[in-house]
């Protein structure tokens, strides 16, 4: 399977995992980008317009134009957060 759309706003890579922020959802590859699984609002993303992400272990943090979506199960499902944000349009995310 391919990316959510050919419009890619950002890439995060860790080992052989590639995380692509697209205009049609969030795409994850576990084989260096050969194939992707795409995730959308149907999986809990705040919006399909994904602008950036950060991943560590099974936790994934996704910046969308509808808030910050967090997965604790490797991307299978997301919980979206908008409370306390200056704007629900989030362009990037990084944790340290």
PDB file of N, CA and C in Angstrom:
ATOM      1  N   UNK A   1       0.847  -1.186   0.000  1.00  0.00           N
ATOM      2  CA  UNK A   1       0.000   0.000   0.000  1.00  0.00           C
ATOM      3  C   UNK A   1       0.883   1.236   0.000  1.00  0.00           C
ATOM      4  N   UNK A   2       0.323   2.322  -0.496  1.00  0.00           N
ATOM      5  CA  UNK A   2       1.089   3.548  -0.606  1.00  0.00           C
ATOM      6  C   UNK A   2       0.721   4.581   0.430  1.00  0.00           C
ATOM      7  N   UNK A   3       1.253   5.771   0.230  1.00  0.00           N
ATOM      8  CA  UNK A   3       0.986   6.894   1.116  1.00  0.00           C
ATOM      9  C   UNK A   3      -0.472   7.326   1.009  1.00  0.00           C
ATOM     10  N   UNK A   4      -0.939   8.070   2.038  1.00  0.00           N
ATOM     11  CA  UNK A   4      -2.303   8.576   2.032  1.00  0.00           C
ATOM     12  C   UNK A   4      -2.572   9.469   0.834  1.00  0.00           C
ATOM     13  N   UNK A   5      -1.630  10.317   0.484  1.00  0.00           N
ATOM     14  CA  UNK A   5      -1.648  11.131  -0.735  1.00  0.00           C
ATOM     15  C   UNK A   5      -0.205  11.365  -1.137  1.00  0.00           C
ATOM     16  N   UNK A   6       0.025  11.812  -2.356  1.00  0.00           N
ATOM     17  CA  UNK A   6       1.397  12.131  -2.748  1.00  0.00           C
ATOM     18  C   UNK A   6       1.902  13.446  -2.139  1.00  0.00           C
ATOM     19  N   UNK A   7       1.027  14.173  -1.439  1.00  0.00           N
ATOM     20  CA  UNK A   7       1.416  15.418  -0.770  1.00  0.00           C
ATOM     21  C   UNK A   7       1.963  15.058   0.611  1.00  0.00           C
ATOM     22  N   UNK A   8       3.284  15.175   0.787  1.00  0.00           N
ATOM     23  CA  UNK A   8       3.933  14.823   2.052  1.00  0.00           C
ATOM     24  C   UNK A   8       4.418  16.106   2.720  1.00  0.00           C
ATOM     25  N   UNK A   9       3.953  16.336   3.952  1.00  0.00           N
ATOM     26  CA  UNK A   9       4.316  17.531   4.703  1.00  0.00           C
ATOM     27  C   UNK A   9       5.539  17.305   5.589  1.00  0.00           C
ATOM     28  N   UNK A  10       5.823  16.062   5.937  1.00  0.00           N
ATOM     29  CA  UNK A  10       6.963  15.789   6.793  1.00  0.00           C
ATOM     30  C   UNK A  10       7.238  14.302   6.899  1.00  0.00           C
ATOM     31  N   UNK A  11       8.490  13.988   7.237  1.00  0.00           N
ATOM     32  CA  UNK A  11       8.938  12.605   7.415  1.00  0.00           C
ATOM     33  C   UNK A  11       9.683  12.509   8.735  1.00  0.00           C
ATOM     34  N   UNK A  12       9.437  11.426   9.475  1.00  0.00           N
ATOM     35  CA  UNK A  12      10.225  11.097  10.658  1.00  0.00           C
ATOM     36  C   UNK A  12      10.659   9.653  10.475  1.00  0.00           C
ATOM     37  N   UNK A  13      11.936   9.372  10.697  1.00  0.00           N
ATOM     38  CA  UNK A  13      12.442   8.008  10.537  1.00  0.00           C
ATOM     39  C   UNK A  13      13.181   7.586  11.794  1.00  0.00           C
ATOM     40  N   UNK A  14      13.010   6.317  12.134  1.00  0.00           N
ATOM     41  CA  UNK A  14      13.700   5.721  13.276  1.00  0.00           C
ATOM     42  C   UNK A  14      13.975   4.262  12.929  1.00  0.00           C
ATOM     43  N   UNK A  15      15.253   3.937  12.701  1.00  0.00           N
ATOM     44  CA  UNK A  15      15.585   2.581  12.268  1.00  0.00           C
ATOM     45  C   UNK A  15      14.961   2.326  10.908  1.00  0.00           C
ATOM     46  N   UNK A  16      14.265   1.206  10.760  1.00  0.00           N
ATOM     47  CA  UNK A  16      13.606   0.896   9.485  1.00  0.00           C
ATOM     48  C   UNK A  16      12.182   1.442   9.425  1.00  0.00           C
ATOM     49  N   UNK A  17      11.724   2.108  10.495  1.00  0.00           N
ATOM     50  CA  UNK A  17      10.382   2.692  10.505  1.00  0.00           C
ATOM     51  C   UNK A  17      10.413   4.088   9.895  1.00  0.00           C
ATOM     52  N   UNK A  18       9.452   4.342   9.013  1.00  0.00           N
ATOM     53  CA  UNK A  18       9.301   5.652   8.382  1.00  0.00           C
ATOM     54  C   UNK A  18       7.879   6.123   8.663  1.00  0.00           C
ATOM     55  N   UNK A  19       7.754   7.360   9.147  1.00  0.00           N
ATOM     56  CA  UNK A  19       6.473   7.952   9.500  1.00  0.00           C
ATOM     57  C   UNK A  19       6.263   9.159   8.595  1.00  0.00           C
ATOM     58  N   UNK A  20       5.243   9.125   7.742  1.00  0.00           N
ATOM     59  CA  UNK A  20       5.006  10.183   6.764  1.00  0.00           C
ATOM     60  C   UNK A  20       3.734  10.947   7.096  1.00  0.00           C
ATOM     61  N   UNK A  21       3.876  12.259   7.226  1.00  0.00           N
ATOM     62  CA  UNK A  21       2.745  13.149   7.462  1.00  0.00           C
ATOM     63  C   UNK A  21       2.248  13.620   6.103  1.00  0.00           C
ATOM     64  N   UNK A  22       1.018  13.246   5.734  1.00  0.00           N
ATOM     65  CA  UNK A  22       0.517  13.557   4.405  1.00  0.00           C
ATOM     66  C   UNK A  22      -0.765  14.382   4.469  1.00  0.00           C
ATOM     67  N   UNK A  23      -1.200  14.827   3.318  1.00  0.00           N
ATOM     68  CA  UNK A  23      -2.455  15.551   3.206  1.00  0.00           C
ATOM     69  C   UNK A  23      -3.666  14.649   3.244  1.00  0.00           C
ATOM     70  N   UNK A  24      -3.457  13.350   3.349  1.00  0.00           N
ATOM     71  CA  UNK A  24      -4.558  12.391   3.390  1.00  0.00           C
ATOM     72  C   UNK A  24      -4.437  11.416   4.530  1.00  0.00           C
ATOM     73  N   UNK A  25      -3.791  11.817   5.616  1.00  0.00           N
ATOM     74  CA  UNK A  25      -3.640  10.951   6.782  1.00  0.00           C
ATOM     75  C   UNK A  25      -2.184  10.760   7.167  1.00  0.00           C
ATOM     76  N   UNK A  26      -1.961   9.790   8.017  1.00  0.00           N
ATOM     77  CA  UNK A  26      -0.648   9.501   8.559  1.00  0.00           C
ATOM     78  C   UNK A  26      -0.239   8.121   8.089  1.00  0.00           C
ATOM     79  N   UNK A  27       0.920   8.002   7.456  1.00  0.00           N
ATOM     80  CA  UNK A  27       1.351   6.735   6.865  1.00  0.00           C
ATOM     81  C   UNK A  27       2.583   6.208   7.583  1.00  0.00           C
ATOM     82  N   UNK A  28       2.558   4.916   7.917  1.00  0.00           N
ATOM     83  CA  UNK A  28       3.659   4.286   8.645  1.00  0.00           C
ATOM     84  C   UNK A  28       4.187   3.102   7.847  1.00  0.00           C
ATOM     85  N   UNK A  29       5.513   3.061   7.717  1.00  0.00           N
ATOM     86  CA  UNK A  29       6.190   1.942   7.064  1.00  0.00           C
ATOM     87  C   UNK A  29       7.128   1.296   8.077  1.00  0.00           C
ATOM     88  N   UNK A  30       7.149  -0.011   8.122  1.00  0.00           N
ATOM     89  CA  UNK A  30       8.091  -0.723   8.991  1.00  0.00           C
ATOM     90  C   UNK A  30       9.203  -1.382   8.182  1.00  0.00           C
ATOM     91  N   UNK A  31       9.226  -1.102   6.855  1.00  0.00           N
ATOM     92  CA  UNK A  31      10.226  -1.721   5.995  1.00  0.00           C
ATOM     93  C   UNK A  31      11.008  -0.685   5.181  1.00  0.00           C
ATOM     94  N   UNK A  32      11.332   0.421   5.834  1.00  0.00           N
ATOM     95  CA  UNK A  32      12.164   1.422   5.187  1.00  0.00           C
ATOM     96  C   UNK A  32      11.489   2.218   4.085  1.00  0.00           C
ATOM     97  N   UNK A  33      10.179   2.193   4.015  1.00  0.00           N
ATOM     98  CA  UNK A  33       9.451   2.974   3.022  1.00  0.00           C
ATOM     99  C   UNK A  33       8.997   2.196   1.810  1.00  0.00           C
ATOM    100  N   UNK A  34       9.203   0.889   1.796  1.00  0.00           N
ATOM    101  CA  UNK A  34       8.768   0.075   0.659  1.00  0.00           C
ATOM    102  C   UNK A  34       7.245   0.043   0.560  1.00  0.00           C
ATOM    103  N   UNK A  35       6.566  -0.088   1.692  1.00  0.00           N
ATOM    104  CA  UNK A  35       5.102  -0.062   1.717  1.00  0.00           C
ATOM    105  C   UNK A  35       4.657   0.648   2.996  1.00  0.00           C
ATOM    106  N   UNK A  36       3.436   1.173   2.964  1.00  0.00           N
ATOM    107  CA  UNK A  36       2.898   1.955   4.080  1.00  0.00           C
ATOM    108  C   UNK A  36       1.508   1.476   4.459  1.00  0.00           C
ATOM    109  N   UNK A  37       1.160   1.691   5.723  1.00  0.00           N
ATOM    110  CA  UNK A  37      -0.207   1.569   6.202  1.00  0.00           C
ATOM    111  C   UNK A  37      -0.660   2.982   6.525  1.00  0.00           C
ATOM    112  N   UNK A  38      -1.826   3.372   6.007  1.00  0.00           N
ATOM    113  CA  UNK A  38      -2.311   4.728   6.184  1.00  0.00           C
ATOM    114  C   UNK A  38      -3.373   4.775   7.276  1.00  0.00           C
ATOM    115  N   UNK A  39      -3.307   5.819   8.101  1.00  0.00           N
ATOM    116  CA  UNK A  39      -4.257   6.037   9.188  1.00  0.00           C
ATOM    117  C   UNK A  39      -4.923   7.392   8.992  1.00  0.00           C
ATOM    118  N   UNK A  40      -6.225   7.464   9.316  1.00  0.00           N
ATOM    119  CA  UNK A  40      -7.018   8.669   9.071  1.00  0.00           C
ATOM    120  C   UNK A  40      -7.882   8.987  10.282  1.00  0.00           C
ATOM    121  N   UNK A  41      -8.831   9.896  10.071  1.00  0.00           N
ATOM    122  CA  UNK A  41      -9.770  10.231  11.145  1.00  0.00           C
ATOM    123  C   UNK A  41     -10.562   9.000  11.603  1.00  0.00           C
ATOM    124  N   UNK A  42     -10.708   8.017  10.747  1.00  0.00           N
ATOM    125  CA  UNK A  42     -11.387   6.773  11.134  1.00  0.00           C
ATOM    126  C   UNK A  42     -10.627   6.041  12.239  1.00  0.00           C
ATOM    127  N   UNK A  43      -9.313   6.309  12.365  1.00  0.00           N
ATOM    128  CA  UNK A  43      -8.484   5.720  13.415  1.00  0.00           C
ATOM    129  C   UNK A  43      -8.329   6.654  14.615  1.00  0.00           C
ATOM    130  N   UNK A  44      -8.974   7.842  14.565  1.00  0.00           N
ATOM    131  CA  UNK A  44      -8.933   8.771  15.685  1.00  0.00           C
ATOM    132  C   UNK A  44      -8.118  10.029  15.473  1.00  0.00           C
ATOM    133  N   UNK A  45      -7.469  10.194  14.304  1.00  0.00           N
ATOM    134  CA  UNK A  45      -6.728  11.431  14.047  1.00  0.00           C
ATOM    135  C   UNK A  45      -7.681  12.615  14.111  1.00  0.00           C
ATOM    136  N   UNK A  46      -7.183  13.762  14.553  1.00  0.00           N
ATOM    137  CA  UNK A  46      -8.006  14.962  14.637  1.00  0.00           C
ATOM    138  C   UNK A  46      -8.390  15.501  13.270  1.00  0.00           C
ATOM    139  N   UNK A  47      -7.560  15.259  12.269  1.00  0.00           N
ATOM    140  CA  UNK A  47      -7.804  15.699  10.905  1.00  0.00           C
ATOM    141  C   UNK A  47      -6.891  14.897   9.990  1.00  0.00           C
ATOM    142  N   UNK A  48      -7.299  14.726   8.751  1.00  0.00           N
ATOM    143  CA  UNK A  48      -6.454  13.995   7.797  1.00  0.00           C
ATOM    144  C   UNK A  48      -5.302  14.841   7.262  1.00  0.00           C
ATOM    145  N   UNK A  49      -5.304  16.142   7.523  1.00  0.00           N
ATOM    146  CA  UNK A  49      -4.189  17.006   7.159  1.00  0.00           C
ATOM    147  C   UNK A  49      -3.148  16.903   8.274  1.00  0.00           C
ATOM    148  N   UNK A  50      -2.158  16.054   8.070  1.00  0.00           N
ATOM    149  CA  UNK A  50      -1.127  15.806   9.076  1.00  0.00           C
ATOM    150  C   UNK A  50       0.114  16.612   8.700  1.00  0.00           C
ATOM    151  N   UNK A  51       0.633  17.390   9.647  1.00  0.00           N
ATOM    152  CA  UNK A  51       1.738  18.306   9.373  1.00  0.00           C
ATOM    153  C   UNK A  51       3.086  17.833   9.897  1.00  0.00           C
ATOM    154  N   UNK A  52       3.107  17.000  10.923  1.00  0.00           N
ATOM    155  CA  UNK A  52       4.369  16.543  11.474  1.00  0.00           C
ATOM    156  C   UNK A  52       4.135  15.472  12.520  1.00  0.00           C
ATOM    157  N   UNK A  53       5.230  14.829  12.949  1.00  0.00           N
ATOM    158  CA  UNK A  53       5.078  13.759  13.939  1.00  0.00           C
ATOM    159  C   UNK A  53       6.393  13.487  14.647  1.00  0.00           C
ATOM    160  N   UNK A  54       6.268  12.726  15.710  1.00  0.00           N
ATOM    161  CA  UNK A  54       7.413  12.229  16.460  1.00  0.00           C
ATOM    162  C   UNK A  54       7.017  10.870  17.013  1.00  0.00           C
ATOM    163  N   UNK A  55       7.922   9.902  16.949  1.00  0.00           N
ATOM    164  CA  UNK A  55       7.634   8.561  17.451  1.00  0.00           C
ATOM    165  C   UNK A  55       8.766   8.081  18.346  1.00  0.00           C
ATOM    166  N   UNK A  56       8.387   7.363  19.384  1.00  0.00           N
ATOM    167  CA  UNK A  56       9.351   6.745  20.294  1.00  0.00           C
ATOM    168  C   UNK A  56       8.735   5.467  20.822  1.00  0.00           C
ATOM    169  N   UNK A  57       9.316   4.342  20.420  1.00  0.00           N
ATOM    170  CA  UNK A  57       8.738   3.057  20.818  1.00  0.00           C
ATOM    171  C   UNK A  57       7.356   2.904  20.212  1.00  0.00           C
ATOM    172  N   UNK A  58       6.360   2.546  21.016  1.00  0.00           N
ATOM    173  CA  UNK A  58       4.995   2.390  20.513  1.00  0.00           C
ATOM    174  C   UNK A  58       4.187   3.681  20.615  1.00  0.00           C
ATOM    175  N   UNK A  59       4.794   4.755  21.147  1.00  0.00           N
ATOM    176  CA  UNK A  59       4.102   6.041  21.261  1.00  0.00           C
ATOM    177  C   UNK A  59       4.372   6.895  20.027  1.00  0.00           C
ATOM    178  N   UNK A  60       3.301   7.444  19.463  1.00  0.00           N
ATOM    179  CA  UNK A  60       3.397   8.306  18.289  1.00  0.00           C
ATOM    180  C   UNK A  60       2.597   9.567  18.554  1.00  0.00           C
ATOM    181  N   UNK A  61       3.213  10.711  18.279  1.00  0.00           N
ATOM    182  CA  UNK A  61       2.601  12.012  18.489  1.00  0.00           C
ATOM    183  C   UNK A  61       2.456  12.679  17.124  1.00  0.00           C
ATOM    184  N   UNK A  62       1.238  13.062  16.768  1.00  0.00           N
ATOM    185  CA  UNK A  62       0.956  13.542  15.421  1.00  0.00           C
ATOM    186  C   UNK A  62       0.343  14.941  15.479  1.00  0.00           C
ATOM    187  N   UNK A  63       0.942  15.869  14.736  1.00  0.00           N
ATOM    188  CA  UNK A  63       0.423  17.230  14.621  1.00  0.00           C
ATOM    189  C   UNK A  63      -0.525  17.290  13.428  1.00  0.00           C
ATOM    190  N   UNK A  64      -1.780  17.660  13.680  1.00  0.00           N
ATOM    191  CA  UNK A  64      -2.768  17.766  12.607  1.00  0.00           C
ATOM    192  C   UNK A  64      -3.379  19.167  12.598  1.00  0.00           C
ATOM    193  N   UNK A  65      -4.149  19.454  11.568  1.00  0.00           N
ATOM    194  CA  UNK A  65      -4.864  20.723  11.543  1.00  0.00           C
ATOM    195  C   UNK A  65      -6.131  20.659  12.390  1.00  0.00           C
ATOM    196  N   UNK A  66      -6.287  19.590  13.159  1.00  0.00           N
ATOM    197  CA  UNK A  66      -7.415  19.429  14.075  1.00  0.00           C
ATOM    198  C   UNK A  66      -6.962  19.050  15.470  1.00  0.00           C
ATOM    199  N   UNK A  67      -5.724  19.391  15.852  1.00  0.00           N
ATOM    200  CA  UNK A  67      -5.219  19.100  17.190  1.00  0.00           C
ATOM    201  C   UNK A  67      -4.030  18.161  17.173  1.00  0.00           C
ATOM    202  N   UNK A  68      -3.670  17.694  18.356  1.00  0.00           N
ATOM    203  CA  UNK A  68      -2.567  16.746  18.525  1.00  0.00           C
ATOM    204  C   UNK A  68      -3.166  15.366  18.780  1.00  0.00           C
ATOM    205  N   UNK A  69      -2.784  14.412  17.969  1.00  0.00           N
ATOM    206  CA  UNK A  69      -3.278  13.038  18.108  1.00  0.00           C
ATOM    207  C   UNK A  69      -2.152  12.162  18.637  1.00  0.00           C
ATOM    208  N   UNK A  70      -2.470  11.345  19.638  1.00  0.00           N
ATOM    209  CA  UNK A  70      -1.456  10.500  20.279  1.00  0.00           C
ATOM    210  C   UNK A  70      -1.893   9.040  20.209  1.00  0.00           C
ATOM    211  N   UNK A  71      -0.960   8.203  19.788  1.00  0.00           N
ATOM    212  CA  UNK A  71      -1.175   6.763  19.769  1.00  0.00           C
ATOM    213  C   UNK A  71      -0.220   6.121  20.765  1.00  0.00           C
ATOM    214  N   UNK A  72      -0.712   5.156  21.514  1.00  0.00           N
ATOM    215  CA  UNK A  72       0.148   4.399  22.428  1.00  0.00           C
ATOM    216  C   UNK A  72       0.267   2.940  21.989  1.00  0.00           C
ATOM    217  N   UNK A  73      -0.302   2.629  20.811  1.00  0.00           N
ATOM    218  CA  UNK A  73      -0.269   1.253  20.314  1.00  0.00           C
ATOM    219  C   UNK A  73       0.370   1.148  18.930  1.00  0.00           C
ATOM    220  N   UNK A  74       1.396   1.956  18.704  1.00  0.00           N
ATOM    221  CA  UNK A  74       2.137   1.876  17.450  1.00  0.00           C
ATOM    222  C   UNK A  74       1.426   2.451  16.245  1.00  0.00           C
ATOM    223  N   UNK A  75       0.352   3.202  16.466  1.00  0.00           N
ATOM    224  CA  UNK A  75      -0.353   3.852  15.371  1.00  0.00           C
ATOM    225  C   UNK A  75      -1.678   3.241  14.996  1.00  0.00           C
ATOM    226  N   UNK A  76      -2.063   2.142  15.627  1.00  0.00           N
ATOM    227  CA  UNK A  76      -3.329   1.492  15.275  1.00  0.00           C
ATOM    228  C   UNK A  76      -4.534   2.367  15.611  1.00  0.00           C
ATOM    229  N   UNK A  77      -4.466   3.099  16.727  1.00  0.00           N
ATOM    230  CA  UNK A  77      -5.558   3.991  17.121  1.00  0.00           C
ATOM    231  C   UNK A  77      -4.968   5.240  17.760  1.00  0.00           C
ATOM    232  N   UNK A  78      -5.748   6.318  17.745  1.00  0.00           N
ATOM    233  CA  UNK A  78      -5.287   7.614  18.235  1.00  0.00           C
ATOM    234  C   UNK A  78      -6.339   8.246  19.127  1.00  0.00           C
ATOM    235  N   UNK A  79      -5.882   9.035  20.083  1.00  0.00           N
ATOM    236  CA  UNK A  79      -6.739   9.908  20.865  1.00  0.00           C
ATOM    237  C   UNK A  79      -6.341  11.329  20.498  1.00  0.00           C
ATOM    238  N   UNK A  80      -7.323  12.159  20.180  1.00  0.00           N
ATOM    239  CA  UNK A  80      -7.032  13.517  19.738  1.00  0.00           C
ATOM    240  C   UNK A  80      -7.241  14.508  20.879  1.00  0.00           C
ATOM    241  N   UNK A  81      -6.353  15.497  20.963  1.00  0.00           N
ATOM    242  CA  UNK A  81      -6.404  16.524  22.003  1.00  0.00           C
ATOM    243  C   UNK A  81      -6.436  17.904  21.365  1.00  0.00           C
ATOM    244  N   UNK A  82      -7.341  18.758  21.865  1.00  0.00           N
ATOM    245  CA  UNK A  82      -7.420  20.145  21.411  1.00  0.00           C
ATOM    246  C   UNK A  82      -7.414  21.114  22.586  1.00  0.00           C
ATOM    247  N   UNK A  83      -7.741  20.648  23.757  1.00  0.00           N
ATOM    248  CA  UNK A  83      -7.845  21.510  24.934  1.00  0.00           C
ATOM    249  C   UNK A  83      -6.488  22.089  25.319  1.00  0.00           C
ATOM    250  N   UNK A  84      -6.458  23.383  25.596  1.00  0.00           N
ATOM    251  CA  UNK A  84      -5.238  24.033  26.049  1.00  0.00           C
ATOM    252  C   UNK A  84      -4.305  24.481  24.946  1.00  0.00           C
ATOM    253  N   UNK A  85      -4.611  24.162  23.711  1.00  0.00           N
ATOM    254  CA  UNK A  85      -3.779  24.597  22.592  1.00  0.00           C
ATOM    255  C   UNK A  85      -4.155  26.023  22.199  1.00  0.00           C
ATOM    256  N   UNK A  86      -3.186  26.821  21.798  1.00  0.00           N
ATOM    257  CA  UNK A  86      -3.468  28.168  21.318  1.00  0.00           C
ATOM    258  C   UNK A  86      -4.285  28.143  20.038  1.00  0.00           C
ATOM    259  N   UNK A  87      -4.111  27.105  19.245  1.00  0.00           N
ATOM    260  CA  UNK A  87      -4.847  26.894  18.002  1.00  0.00           C
ATOM    261  C   UNK A  87      -4.904  25.387  17.781  1.00  0.00           C
ATOM    262  N   UNK A  88      -5.987  24.909  17.185  1.00  0.00           N
ATOM    263  CA  UNK A  88      -6.043  23.464  16.928  1.00  0.00           C
ATOM    264  C   UNK A  88      -5.231  23.081  15.696  1.00  0.00           C
ATOM    265  N   UNK A  89      -4.779  24.079  14.937  1.00  0.00           N
ATOM    266  CA  UNK A  89      -3.895  23.799  13.806  1.00  0.00           C
ATOM    267  C   UNK A  89      -2.465  23.715  14.332  1.00  0.00           C
ATOM    268  N   UNK A  90      -1.920  22.509  14.323  1.00  0.00           N
ATOM    269  CA  UNK A  90      -0.581  22.257  14.858  1.00  0.00           C
ATOM    270  C   UNK A  90       0.318  21.868  13.691  1.00  0.00           C
ATOM    271  N   UNK A  91       1.428  22.588  13.531  1.00  0.00           N
ATOM    272  CA  UNK A  91       2.303  22.382  12.377  1.00  0.00           C
ATOM    273  C   UNK A  91       3.497  21.471  12.644  1.00  0.00           C
ATOM    274  N   UNK A  92       3.835  21.260  13.893  1.00  0.00           N
ATOM    275  CA  UNK A  92       4.975  20.404  14.183  1.00  0.00           C
ATOM    276  C   UNK A  92       4.940  19.935  15.630  1.00  0.00           C
ATOM    277  N   UNK A  93       5.707  18.898  15.899  1.00  0.00           N
ATOM    278  CA  UNK A  93       5.742  18.351  17.258  1.00  0.00           C
ATOM    279  C   UNK A  93       7.089  17.669  17.479  1.00  0.00           C
ATOM    280  N   UNK A  94       7.623  17.834  18.672  1.00  0.00           N
ATOM    281  CA  UNK A  94       8.860  17.171  19.035  1.00  0.00           C
ATOM    282  C   UNK A  94       8.877  16.984  20.547  1.00  0.00           C
ATOM    283  N   UNK A  95       9.306  15.840  20.996  1.00  0.00           N
ATOM    284  CA  UNK A  95       9.440  15.550  22.410  1.00  0.00           C
ATOM    285  C   UNK A  95      10.883  15.207  22.695  1.00  0.00           C
ATOM    286  N   UNK A  96      11.294  15.473  23.902  1.00  0.00           N
ATOM    287  CA  UNK A  96      12.665  15.159  24.266  1.00  0.00           C
ATOM    288  C   UNK A  96      12.701  14.432  25.584  1.00  0.00           C
TER     289      UNK A  96
END
